[in-house]
Amino acid sequence: MKASRAPSPGESRACPHCQATILQSATFCPICRHSLKFTSFEAPRARPATCPLLVEGTLEHPDAGAPWEYQLLMEVRDEAGKLLSRQTVGAVRQGQQRVFSLRVEMFAASA
């Protein structure tokens, strides 16, 4: 039998449902919201201890003409400037609107 080890803080893995990169310690995927661990002794992750960054904005098609494409470019870099993550996609058509929220949630690392 293979002994399991506790993940190091910040260690990541792929969600088995949507393949997003998530924390190894996650009990649910923050992207697709699927449950990831089904053991009865594990409590669900608590609410974030702090939310040091929250940015929200709305864009709306001007109701005239062809659809517009948009790029939501979110980059995360480490202290040395190395790119860790980049994400982007989208289009908006006449009469449509998109609301973007960028939130950084911080949790105490699991022991």
N, C-alpha and C. Protein backbone atom coordinates (compact mmCIF):
# COMPACT_ATOMS: atom_id res chain seq x y z
N MET A 1 0.84 -1.18 0.00
CA MET A 1 0.00 0.00 0.00
C MET A 1 0.88 1.24 0.00
N LYS A 2 0.56 2.18 -0.82
CA LYS A 2 1.33 3.40 -0.96
C LYS A 2 0.89 4.42 0.10
N ALA A 3 1.85 4.93 0.85
CA ALA A 3 1.53 5.94 1.86
C ALA A 3 1.32 7.29 1.17
N SER A 4 0.26 7.98 1.56
CA SER A 4 0.03 9.28 0.96
C SER A 4 0.70 10.35 1.81
N ARG A 5 1.18 11.38 1.15
CA ARG A 5 1.84 12.46 1.86
C ARG A 5 0.98 13.71 1.75
N ALA A 6 1.13 14.56 2.73
CA ALA A 6 0.39 15.82 2.69
C ALA A 6 0.99 16.71 1.60
N PRO A 7 0.15 17.39 0.82
CA PRO A 7 0.69 18.27 -0.22
C PRO A 7 1.40 19.48 0.38
N SER A 8 2.40 19.95 -0.30
CA SER A 8 3.09 21.18 0.10
C SER A 8 2.18 22.36 -0.22
N PRO A 9 2.22 23.43 0.58
CA PRO A 9 1.40 24.60 0.27
C PRO A 9 1.70 25.11 -1.15
N GLY A 10 0.64 25.34 -1.92
CA GLY A 10 0.77 25.84 -3.28
C GLY A 10 0.95 24.77 -4.33
N GLU A 11 1.08 23.51 -3.93
CA GLU A 11 1.25 22.42 -4.90
C GLU A 11 -0.05 22.29 -5.70
N SER A 12 0.08 22.06 -7.01
CA SER A 12 -1.11 22.03 -7.86
C SER A 12 -1.26 20.69 -8.57
N ARG A 13 -2.44 20.52 -9.18
CA ARG A 13 -2.77 19.33 -9.97
C ARG A 13 -3.87 19.71 -10.94
N ALA A 14 -4.21 18.82 -11.84
CA ALA A 14 -5.29 19.07 -12.79
C ALA A 14 -6.60 18.54 -12.22
N CYS A 15 -7.68 19.31 -12.39
CA CYS A 15 -9.01 18.83 -12.01
C CYS A 15 -9.36 17.66 -12.92
N PRO A 16 -9.83 16.53 -12.37
CA PRO A 16 -10.17 15.39 -13.22
C PRO A 16 -11.40 15.64 -14.09
N HIS A 17 -12.17 16.67 -13.79
CA HIS A 17 -13.39 16.96 -14.53
C HIS A 17 -13.17 17.95 -15.68
N CYS A 18 -12.49 19.08 -15.38
CA CYS A 18 -12.35 20.14 -16.39
C CYS A 18 -10.89 20.40 -16.79
N GLN A 19 -9.95 19.74 -16.15
CA GLN A 19 -8.52 19.85 -16.43
C GLN A 19 -7.91 21.20 -16.05
N ALA A 20 -8.64 22.05 -15.31
CA ALA A 20 -8.08 23.31 -14.84
C ALA A 20 -6.99 23.01 -13.81
N THR A 21 -6.01 23.88 -13.70
CA THR A 21 -4.98 23.73 -12.68
C THR A 21 -5.54 24.25 -11.37
N ILE A 22 -5.55 23.38 -10.35
CA ILE A 22 -6.13 23.72 -9.05
C ILE A 22 -5.15 23.34 -7.95
N LEU A 23 -5.42 23.79 -6.74
CA LEU A 23 -4.57 23.42 -5.61
C LEU A 23 -4.73 21.94 -5.29
N GLN A 24 -3.65 21.30 -4.94
CA GLN A 24 -3.66 19.89 -4.55
C GLN A 24 -4.58 19.68 -3.34
N SER A 25 -4.65 20.66 -2.46
CA SER A 25 -5.44 20.54 -1.23
C SER A 25 -6.93 20.80 -1.44
N ALA A 26 -7.34 21.18 -2.65
CA ALA A 26 -8.75 21.53 -2.90
C ALA A 26 -9.67 20.34 -2.72
N THR A 27 -10.82 20.58 -2.08
CA THR A 27 -11.83 19.53 -1.94
C THR A 27 -12.92 19.68 -3.00
N PHE A 28 -12.92 20.82 -3.70
CA PHE A 28 -13.80 21.02 -4.85
C PHE A 28 -13.05 21.89 -5.84
N CYS A 29 -13.43 21.82 -7.11
CA CYS A 29 -12.78 22.63 -8.14
C CYS A 29 -13.42 24.01 -8.16
N PRO A 30 -12.63 25.08 -8.01
CA PRO A 30 -13.21 26.42 -8.04
C PRO A 30 -13.70 26.84 -9.44
N ILE A 31 -13.29 26.11 -10.47
CA ILE A 31 -13.70 26.43 -11.83
C ILE A 31 -15.01 25.73 -12.19
N CYS A 32 -15.05 24.40 -12.11
CA CYS A 32 -16.25 23.65 -12.51
C CYS A 32 -17.14 23.28 -11.33
N ARG A 33 -16.67 23.52 -10.11
CA ARG A 33 -17.43 23.29 -8.87
C ARG A 33 -17.70 21.82 -8.55
N HIS A 34 -17.02 20.88 -9.24
CA HIS A 34 -17.18 19.47 -8.92
C HIS A 34 -16.47 19.14 -7.61
N SER A 35 -17.03 18.21 -6.87
CA SER A 35 -16.41 17.73 -5.65
C SER A 35 -15.24 16.82 -6.03
N LEU A 36 -14.14 16.91 -5.31
CA LEU A 36 -12.94 16.17 -5.67
C LEU A 36 -12.55 15.10 -4.67
N LYS A 37 -12.95 15.25 -3.42
CA LYS A 37 -12.58 14.28 -2.40
C LYS A 37 -13.85 13.82 -1.70
N PHE A 38 -13.99 12.51 -1.57
CA PHE A 38 -15.22 11.97 -1.02
C PHE A 38 -15.01 11.26 0.31
N THR A 39 -13.97 11.58 1.03
CA THR A 39 -13.73 10.92 2.30
C THR A 39 -14.52 11.64 3.39
N SER A 40 -15.10 10.88 4.29
CA SER A 40 -15.97 11.46 5.31
C SER A 40 -15.21 12.26 6.36
N PHE A 41 -13.91 11.99 6.53
CA PHE A 41 -13.16 12.69 7.57
C PHE A 41 -12.65 14.06 7.13
N GLU A 42 -12.77 14.41 5.87
CA GLU A 42 -12.30 15.71 5.41
C GLU A 42 -13.43 16.72 5.42
N ALA A 43 -13.22 17.81 6.10
CA ALA A 43 -14.20 18.90 6.11
C ALA A 43 -14.03 19.74 4.85
N PRO A 44 -15.09 20.31 4.34
CA PRO A 44 -14.93 21.19 3.18
C PRO A 44 -14.08 22.40 3.54
N ARG A 45 -13.41 22.95 2.57
CA ARG A 45 -12.54 24.10 2.79
C ARG A 45 -13.36 25.27 3.34
N ALA A 46 -12.80 25.93 4.30
CA ALA A 46 -13.46 27.07 4.92
C ALA A 46 -13.55 28.24 3.96
N ARG A 47 -14.32 29.22 4.34
CA ARG A 47 -14.39 30.46 3.56
C ARG A 47 -13.01 31.09 3.53
N PRO A 48 -12.73 31.90 2.52
CA PRO A 48 -11.41 32.53 2.45
C PRO A 48 -11.11 33.35 3.70
N ALA A 49 -9.85 33.29 4.14
CA ALA A 49 -9.42 34.07 5.30
C ALA A 49 -9.39 35.55 4.94
N THR A 50 -9.04 35.84 3.70
CA THR A 50 -8.97 37.23 3.24
C THR A 50 -9.13 37.26 1.72
N CYS A 51 -9.55 38.39 1.22
CA CYS A 51 -9.69 38.61 -0.23
C CYS A 51 -9.00 39.93 -0.53
N PRO A 52 -7.66 39.90 -0.73
CA PRO A 52 -6.91 41.14 -0.89
C PRO A 52 -7.10 41.86 -2.23
N LEU A 53 -7.74 41.20 -3.20
CA LEU A 53 -7.94 41.84 -4.49
C LEU A 53 -9.30 41.45 -5.05
N LEU A 54 -10.11 42.45 -5.39
CA LEU A 54 -11.39 42.22 -6.05
C LEU A 54 -11.59 43.34 -7.06
N VAL A 55 -11.67 42.96 -8.33
CA VAL A 55 -11.90 43.92 -9.41
C VAL A 55 -13.09 43.40 -10.20
N GLU A 56 -14.04 44.28 -10.48
CA GLU A 56 -15.20 43.88 -11.26
C GLU A 56 -15.50 44.95 -12.30
N GLY A 57 -15.86 44.51 -13.49
CA GLY A 57 -16.17 45.44 -14.56
C GLY A 57 -17.19 44.84 -15.51
N THR A 58 -17.88 45.69 -16.25
CA THR A 58 -18.92 45.25 -17.18
C THR A 58 -18.62 45.80 -18.57
N LEU A 59 -18.83 44.97 -19.58
CA LEU A 59 -18.77 45.46 -20.95
C LEU A 59 -20.06 45.07 -21.63
N GLU A 60 -20.51 45.92 -22.52
CA GLU A 60 -21.77 45.72 -23.19
C GLU A 60 -21.60 46.04 -24.67
N HIS A 61 -22.20 45.22 -25.52
CA HIS A 61 -22.16 45.47 -26.96
C HIS A 61 -22.93 46.76 -27.23
N PRO A 62 -22.46 47.60 -28.16
CA PRO A 62 -23.12 48.90 -28.39
C PRO A 62 -24.45 48.81 -29.14
N ASP A 63 -25.00 47.61 -29.30
CA ASP A 63 -26.30 47.41 -29.96
C ASP A 63 -26.34 47.83 -31.42
N ALA A 64 -25.22 47.81 -32.09
CA ALA A 64 -25.20 48.09 -33.52
C ALA A 64 -24.04 47.33 -34.15
N GLY A 65 -24.32 46.63 -35.23
CA GLY A 65 -23.24 45.97 -35.96
C GLY A 65 -22.99 44.53 -35.55
N ALA A 66 -21.90 44.04 -36.09
CA ALA A 66 -21.50 42.65 -35.91
C ALA A 66 -21.03 42.37 -34.48
N PRO A 67 -20.95 41.10 -34.12
CA PRO A 67 -20.43 40.75 -32.79
C PRO A 67 -19.01 41.27 -32.60
N TRP A 68 -18.66 41.58 -31.38
CA TRP A 68 -17.31 41.99 -31.03
C TRP A 68 -16.67 40.86 -30.25
N GLU A 69 -15.42 40.64 -30.51
CA GLU A 69 -14.67 39.67 -29.71
C GLU A 69 -13.99 40.42 -28.58
N TYR A 70 -13.76 39.72 -27.49
CA TYR A 70 -13.04 40.34 -26.39
C TYR A 70 -11.99 39.36 -25.89
N GLN A 71 -11.00 39.89 -25.27
CA GLN A 71 -9.98 39.07 -24.64
C GLN A 71 -9.90 39.46 -23.18
N LEU A 72 -10.11 38.50 -22.33
CA LEU A 72 -9.90 38.67 -20.91
C LEU A 72 -8.54 38.04 -20.66
N LEU A 73 -7.56 38.87 -20.46
CA LEU A 73 -6.20 38.37 -20.29
C LEU A 73 -5.83 38.51 -18.83
N MET A 74 -5.64 37.38 -18.18
CA MET A 74 -5.25 37.37 -16.80
C MET A 74 -3.91 36.66 -16.71
N GLU A 75 -2.93 37.35 -16.21
CA GLU A 75 -1.61 36.76 -16.05
C GLU A 75 -1.23 36.76 -14.58
N VAL A 76 -0.59 35.69 -14.18
CA VAL A 76 -0.06 35.57 -12.83
C VAL A 76 1.44 35.35 -12.97
N ARG A 77 2.22 36.17 -12.31
CA ARG A 77 3.67 36.05 -12.35
C ARG A 77 4.22 35.91 -10.93
N ASP A 78 5.35 35.22 -10.82
CA ASP A 78 5.98 35.09 -9.51
C ASP A 78 6.88 36.29 -9.23
N GLU A 79 7.58 36.27 -8.09
CA GLU A 79 8.40 37.40 -7.67
C GLU A 79 9.57 37.68 -8.62
N ALA A 80 9.96 36.70 -9.43
CA ALA A 80 11.04 36.89 -10.39
C ALA A 80 10.51 37.34 -11.76
N GLY A 81 9.19 37.46 -11.89
CA GLY A 81 8.60 37.87 -13.15
C GLY A 81 8.27 36.72 -14.08
N LYS A 82 8.48 35.48 -13.65
CA LYS A 82 8.18 34.31 -14.47
C LYS A 82 6.67 34.12 -14.59
N LEU A 83 6.19 33.93 -15.83
CA LEU A 83 4.77 33.73 -16.07
C LEU A 83 4.35 32.36 -15.54
N LEU A 84 3.36 32.35 -14.65
CA LEU A 84 2.86 31.11 -14.08
C LEU A 84 1.56 30.66 -14.74
N SER A 85 0.73 31.62 -15.15
CA SER A 85 -0.57 31.29 -15.71
C SER A 85 -1.05 32.42 -16.61
N ARG A 86 -1.75 32.05 -17.69
CA ARG A 86 -2.37 33.04 -18.58
C ARG A 86 -3.68 32.44 -19.08
N GLN A 87 -4.75 33.24 -19.07
CA GLN A 87 -6.04 32.76 -19.53
C GLN A 87 -6.73 33.86 -20.33
N THR A 88 -7.48 33.46 -21.37
CA THR A 88 -8.18 34.42 -22.22
C THR A 88 -9.26 33.72 -23.06
N VAL A 89 -10.34 34.43 -23.47
CA VAL A 89 -11.37 33.95 -24.42
C VAL A 89 -12.53 34.92 -24.55
N GLY A 90 -13.42 34.74 -25.58
CA GLY A 90 -14.71 35.35 -25.59
C GLY A 90 -15.19 36.14 -26.79
N ALA A 91 -16.50 36.35 -26.83
CA ALA A 91 -17.18 37.19 -27.82
C ALA A 91 -18.46 37.70 -27.20
N VAL A 92 -18.92 38.85 -27.68
CA VAL A 92 -20.18 39.42 -27.20
C VAL A 92 -20.97 39.91 -28.41
N ARG A 93 -22.25 39.57 -28.46
CA ARG A 93 -23.10 39.92 -29.59
C ARG A 93 -24.06 41.05 -29.22
N GLN A 94 -24.73 41.56 -30.21
CA GLN A 94 -25.68 42.64 -30.01
C GLN A 94 -26.66 42.29 -28.89
N GLY A 95 -26.84 43.22 -27.95
CA GLY A 95 -27.76 43.00 -26.84
C GLY A 95 -27.19 42.20 -25.68
N GLN A 96 -25.97 41.72 -25.81
CA GLN A 96 -25.35 40.93 -24.74
C GLN A 96 -24.46 41.80 -23.87
N GLN A 97 -24.21 41.27 -22.70
CA GLN A 97 -23.35 41.96 -21.73
C GLN A 97 -22.53 40.91 -21.01
N ARG A 98 -21.36 41.26 -20.58
CA ARG A 98 -20.50 40.38 -19.78
C ARG A 98 -20.04 41.14 -18.55
N VAL A 99 -20.04 40.46 -17.42
CA VAL A 99 -19.51 41.02 -16.18
C VAL A 99 -18.30 40.18 -15.81
N PHE A 100 -17.18 40.83 -15.60
CA PHE A 100 -15.93 40.14 -15.27
C PHE A 100 -15.59 40.43 -13.82
N SER A 101 -15.23 39.40 -13.12
CA SER A 101 -14.78 39.54 -11.74
C SER A 101 -13.44 38.85 -11.60
N LEU A 102 -12.51 39.53 -11.01
CA LEU A 102 -11.21 38.96 -10.69
C LEU A 102 -11.10 39.02 -9.18
N ARG A 103 -10.94 37.87 -8.56
CA ARG A 103 -10.90 37.79 -7.11
C ARG A 103 -9.75 36.90 -6.70
N VAL A 104 -8.98 37.36 -5.78
CA VAL A 104 -7.92 36.54 -5.19
C VAL A 104 -8.38 36.15 -3.80
N GLU A 105 -8.57 34.85 -3.58
CA GLU A 105 -8.99 34.36 -2.27
C GLU A 105 -7.79 33.69 -1.62
N MET A 106 -7.55 34.00 -0.36
CA MET A 106 -6.43 33.40 0.36
C MET A 106 -6.96 32.54 1.51
N PHE A 107 -6.37 31.35 1.66
CA PHE A 107 -6.75 30.40 2.69
C PHE A 107 -5.51 30.03 3.48
N ALA A 108 -5.70 29.61 4.71
CA ALA A 108 -4.59 29.05 5.47
C ALA A 108 -4.27 27.70 4.84
N ALA A 109 -2.99 27.41 4.62
CA ALA A 109 -2.59 26.13 4.01
C ALA A 109 -2.94 24.99 4.94
N SER A 110 -3.41 23.87 4.35
CA SER A 110 -3.73 22.68 5.14
C SER A 110 -2.45 22.09 5.69
N ALA A 111 -2.54 21.60 6.91
CA ALA A 111 -1.35 21.01 7.54
C ALA A 111 -1.13 19.59 7.05
